[in-house]
Amino acid sequence: MTEAETEVALQAWAEAPAAARRVRAGLDQRGLDSFERAYAAVRGELVRRVGQSYSLADLSRAWREADRWAPDVARDAAAPAPPPRSSTLLVDLACQRMMRSARDARPGR
């Protein structure tokens, strides 16, 4: 994973909290519960994939591969309600939270 690829990932993750706030604001309670279940499941799977000790490059690599697994994880966790429209936001949000615990976390991010 190159530094440039990691930087692109960091920029995407930085936008996730604001995007999630907008999505959550538009949901009713059932939709919000579904969103939170899906987010927790995606975050749990991401933790499983990178382990307890990971670098930003490891997290970025898992982020780039998330389109292969995140939609299924989000759908299964959200059931019986429909899953959130985009599992990409869930992955970005999970990565944004997890980047602070990376071995090479950058202060101020």
C-alpha atoms as a PDB file:
ATOM      1  CA  MET A   1       0.000   0.000   0.000  1.00  0.00           C
ATOM      2  CA  THR A   2       1.519   3.273  -1.039  1.00  0.00           C
ATOM      3  CA  GLU A   3       1.442   6.441   1.018  1.00  0.00           C
ATOM      4  CA  ALA A   4      -0.744   8.060  -1.662  1.00  0.00           C
ATOM      5  CA  GLU A   5      -3.286   5.226  -1.472  1.00  0.00           C
ATOM      6  CA  THR A   6      -3.406   5.509   2.300  1.00  0.00           C
ATOM      7  CA  GLU A   7      -3.857   9.278   2.024  1.00  0.00           C
ATOM      8  CA  VAL A   8      -6.851   8.811  -0.318  1.00  0.00           C
ATOM      9  CA  ALA A   9      -8.382   6.450   2.236  1.00  0.00           C
ATOM     10  CA  LEU A  10      -7.792   8.906   5.084  1.00  0.00           C
ATOM     11  CA  GLN A  11      -9.549  11.648   3.130  1.00  0.00           C
ATOM     12  CA  ALA A  12     -12.565   9.409   2.481  1.00  0.00           C
ATOM     13  CA  TRP A  13     -12.755   8.432   6.149  1.00  0.00           C
ATOM     14  CA  ALA A  14     -12.602  12.058   7.278  1.00  0.00           C
ATOM     15  CA  GLU A  15     -15.893  12.754   5.499  1.00  0.00           C
ATOM     16  CA  ALA A  16     -17.727   9.784   7.030  1.00  0.00           C
ATOM     17  CA  PRO A  17     -18.917  11.282  10.362  1.00  0.00           C
ATOM     18  CA  ALA A  18     -20.680  14.213   8.694  1.00  0.00           C
ATOM     19  CA  ALA A  19     -22.216  11.957   6.059  1.00  0.00           C
ATOM     20  CA  ALA A  20     -23.411   9.533   8.743  1.00  0.00           C
ATOM     21  CA  ARG A  21     -25.005  12.390  10.718  1.00  0.00           C
ATOM     22  CA  ARG A  22     -26.942  13.426   7.601  1.00  0.00           C
ATOM     23  CA  VAL A  23     -28.094   9.869   6.949  1.00  0.00           C
ATOM     24  CA  ARG A  24     -29.078   9.251  10.561  1.00  0.00           C
ATOM     25  CA  ALA A  25     -31.048  12.526  10.669  1.00  0.00           C
ATOM     26  CA  GLY A  26     -33.240  11.291   7.830  1.00  0.00           C
ATOM     27  CA  LEU A  27     -34.096   7.924   9.353  1.00  0.00           C
ATOM     28  CA  ASP A  28     -37.045   6.874  11.450  1.00  0.00           C
ATOM     29  CA  GLN A  29     -36.385   4.709  14.516  1.00  0.00           C
ATOM     30  CA  ARG A  30     -36.588   1.436  12.583  1.00  0.00           C
ATOM     31  CA  GLY A  31     -34.171   2.733   9.954  1.00  0.00           C
ATOM     32  CA  LEU A  32     -31.838   4.082  12.616  1.00  0.00           C
ATOM     33  CA  ASP A  33     -31.818   0.740  14.438  1.00  0.00           C
ATOM     34  CA  SER A  34     -31.062  -1.026  11.150  1.00  0.00           C
ATOM     35  CA  PHE A  35     -28.248   1.429  10.364  1.00  0.00           C
ATOM     36  CA  GLU A  36     -26.663   0.946  13.800  1.00  0.00           C
ATOM     37  CA  ARG A  37     -26.862  -2.868  13.612  1.00  0.00           C
ATOM     38  CA  ALA A  38     -25.290  -2.828  10.167  1.00  0.00           C
ATOM     39  CA  TYR A  39     -22.569  -0.404  11.283  1.00  0.00           C
ATOM     40  CA  ALA A  40     -21.698  -2.528  14.324  1.00  0.00           C
ATOM     41  CA  ALA A  41     -21.488  -5.663  12.205  1.00  0.00           C
ATOM     42  CA  VAL A  42     -19.308  -4.012   9.543  1.00  0.00           C
ATOM     43  CA  ARG A  43     -17.015  -2.586  12.212  1.00  0.00           C
ATOM     44  CA  GLY A  44     -16.773  -5.977  13.904  1.00  0.00           C
ATOM     45  CA  GLU A  45     -15.863  -7.656  10.627  1.00  0.00           C
ATOM     46  CA  LEU A  46     -13.274  -4.988   9.908  1.00  0.00           C
ATOM     47  CA  VAL A  47     -11.698  -5.560  13.335  1.00  0.00           C
ATOM     48  CA  ARG A  48     -11.652  -9.286  12.629  1.00  0.00           C
ATOM     49  CA  ARG A  49      -9.920  -8.699   9.300  1.00  0.00           C
ATOM     50  CA  VAL A  50      -7.166  -6.327  10.504  1.00  0.00           C
ATOM     51  CA  GLY A  51      -6.636  -7.780  13.980  1.00  0.00           C
ATOM     52  CA  GLN A  52      -5.881  -6.002  17.218  1.00  0.00           C
ATOM     53  CA  SER A  53      -2.597  -4.461  16.068  1.00  0.00           C
ATOM     54  CA  TYR A  54      -2.725  -2.840  12.638  1.00  0.00           C
ATOM     55  CA  SER A  55      -1.230  -0.015  10.643  1.00  0.00           C
ATOM     56  CA  LEU A  56      -3.021   2.599   8.584  1.00  0.00           C
ATOM     57  CA  ALA A  57      -1.855   0.698   5.489  1.00  0.00           C
ATOM     58  CA  ASP A  58      -3.464  -2.508   6.845  1.00  0.00           C
ATOM     59  CA  LEU A  59      -6.699  -0.646   7.489  1.00  0.00           C
ATOM     60  CA  SER A  60      -6.554   0.982   4.064  1.00  0.00           C
ATOM     61  CA  ARG A  61      -6.037  -2.407   2.414  1.00  0.00           C
ATOM     62  CA  ALA A  62      -9.074  -3.845   4.216  1.00  0.00           C
ATOM     63  CA  TRP A  63     -11.058  -0.735   3.214  1.00  0.00           C
ATOM     64  CA  ARG A  64     -10.201  -1.285  -0.450  1.00  0.00           C
ATOM     65  CA  GLU A  65     -11.401  -4.902  -0.235  1.00  0.00           C
ATOM     66  CA  ALA A  66     -14.595  -4.112   1.685  1.00  0.00           C
ATOM     67  CA  ASP A  67     -16.806  -4.039  -1.397  1.00  0.00           C
ATOM     68  CA  ARG A  68     -16.399  -7.830  -1.483  1.00  0.00           C
ATOM     69  CA  TRP A  69     -17.811  -8.475   1.986  1.00  0.00           C
ATOM     70  CA  ALA A  70     -19.420  -5.368   3.515  1.00  0.00           C
ATOM     71  CA  PRO A  71     -22.726  -5.421   1.562  1.00  0.00           C
ATOM     72  CA  ASP A  72     -23.468  -8.968   2.755  1.00  0.00           C
ATOM     73  CA  VAL A  73     -22.464  -8.210   6.346  1.00  0.00           C
ATOM     74  CA  ALA A  74     -24.608  -5.047   6.407  1.00  0.00           C
ATOM     75  CA  ARG A  75     -27.603  -6.795   4.829  1.00  0.00           C
ATOM     76  CA  ASP A  76     -27.489  -9.717   7.254  1.00  0.00           C
ATOM     77  CA  ALA A  77     -27.125  -7.453  10.303  1.00  0.00           C
ATOM     78  CA  ALA A  78     -29.903  -5.072   9.246  1.00  0.00           C
ATOM     79  CA  ALA A  79     -32.490  -7.807   8.711  1.00  0.00           C
ATOM     80  CA  PRO A  80     -35.410  -7.907   8.890  1.00  0.00           C
ATOM     81  CA  ALA A  81     -35.291  -4.228   7.923  1.00  0.00           C
ATOM     82  CA  PRO A  82     -33.730  -3.259   4.613  1.00  0.00           C
ATOM     83  CA  PRO A  83     -29.994  -2.586   4.848  1.00  0.00           C
ATOM     84  CA  PRO A  84     -28.612   0.945   4.622  1.00  0.00           C
ATOM     85  CA  ARG A  85     -28.416   2.175   1.044  1.00  0.00           C
ATOM     86  CA  SER A  86     -24.632   2.127   0.990  1.00  0.00           C
ATOM     87  CA  SER A  87     -22.314  -0.155   2.875  1.00  0.00           C
ATOM     88  CA  THR A  88     -19.485   2.149   1.752  1.00  0.00           C
ATOM     89  CA  LEU A  89     -20.499   4.737   4.345  1.00  0.00           C
ATOM     90  CA  LEU A  90     -20.522   2.074   7.068  1.00  0.00           C
ATOM     91  CA  VAL A  91     -17.002   0.975   6.129  1.00  0.00           C
ATOM     92  CA  ASP A  92     -15.750   4.563   5.933  1.00  0.00           C
ATOM     93  CA  LEU A  93     -17.253   5.312   9.336  1.00  0.00           C
ATOM     94  CA  ALA A  94     -15.720   2.191  10.900  1.00  0.00           C
ATOM     95  CA  CYS A  95     -12.311   2.987   9.404  1.00  0.00           C
ATOM     96  CA  GLN A  96     -12.526   6.574  10.609  1.00  0.00           C
ATOM     97  CA  ARG A  97     -13.090   5.370  14.138  1.00  0.00           C
ATOM     98  CA  MET A  98     -10.435   2.670  13.942  1.00  0.00           C
ATOM     99  CA  MET A  99      -7.701   4.819  12.395  1.00  0.00           C
ATOM    100  CA  ARG A 100      -7.041   6.456  15.763  1.00  0.00           C
ATOM    101  CA  SER A 101      -5.959   3.081  17.168  1.00  0.00           C
ATOM    102  CA  ALA A 102      -3.555   2.216  14.347  1.00  0.00           C
ATOM    103  CA  ARG A 103       0.073   1.657  15.317  1.00  0.00           C
ATOM    104  CA  ASP A 104       1.045   4.592  13.125  1.00  0.00           C
ATOM    105  CA  ALA A 105      -1.968   6.814  13.896  1.00  0.00           C
ATOM    106  CA  ARG A 106      -1.493  10.434  12.955  1.00  0.00           C
ATOM    107  CA  PRO A 107      -2.138  13.029  15.652  1.00  0.00           C
ATOM    108  CA  GLY A 108      -4.913  15.481  14.891  1.00  0.00           C
ATOM    109  CA  ARG A 109      -6.899  13.197  12.622  1.00  0.00           C
END
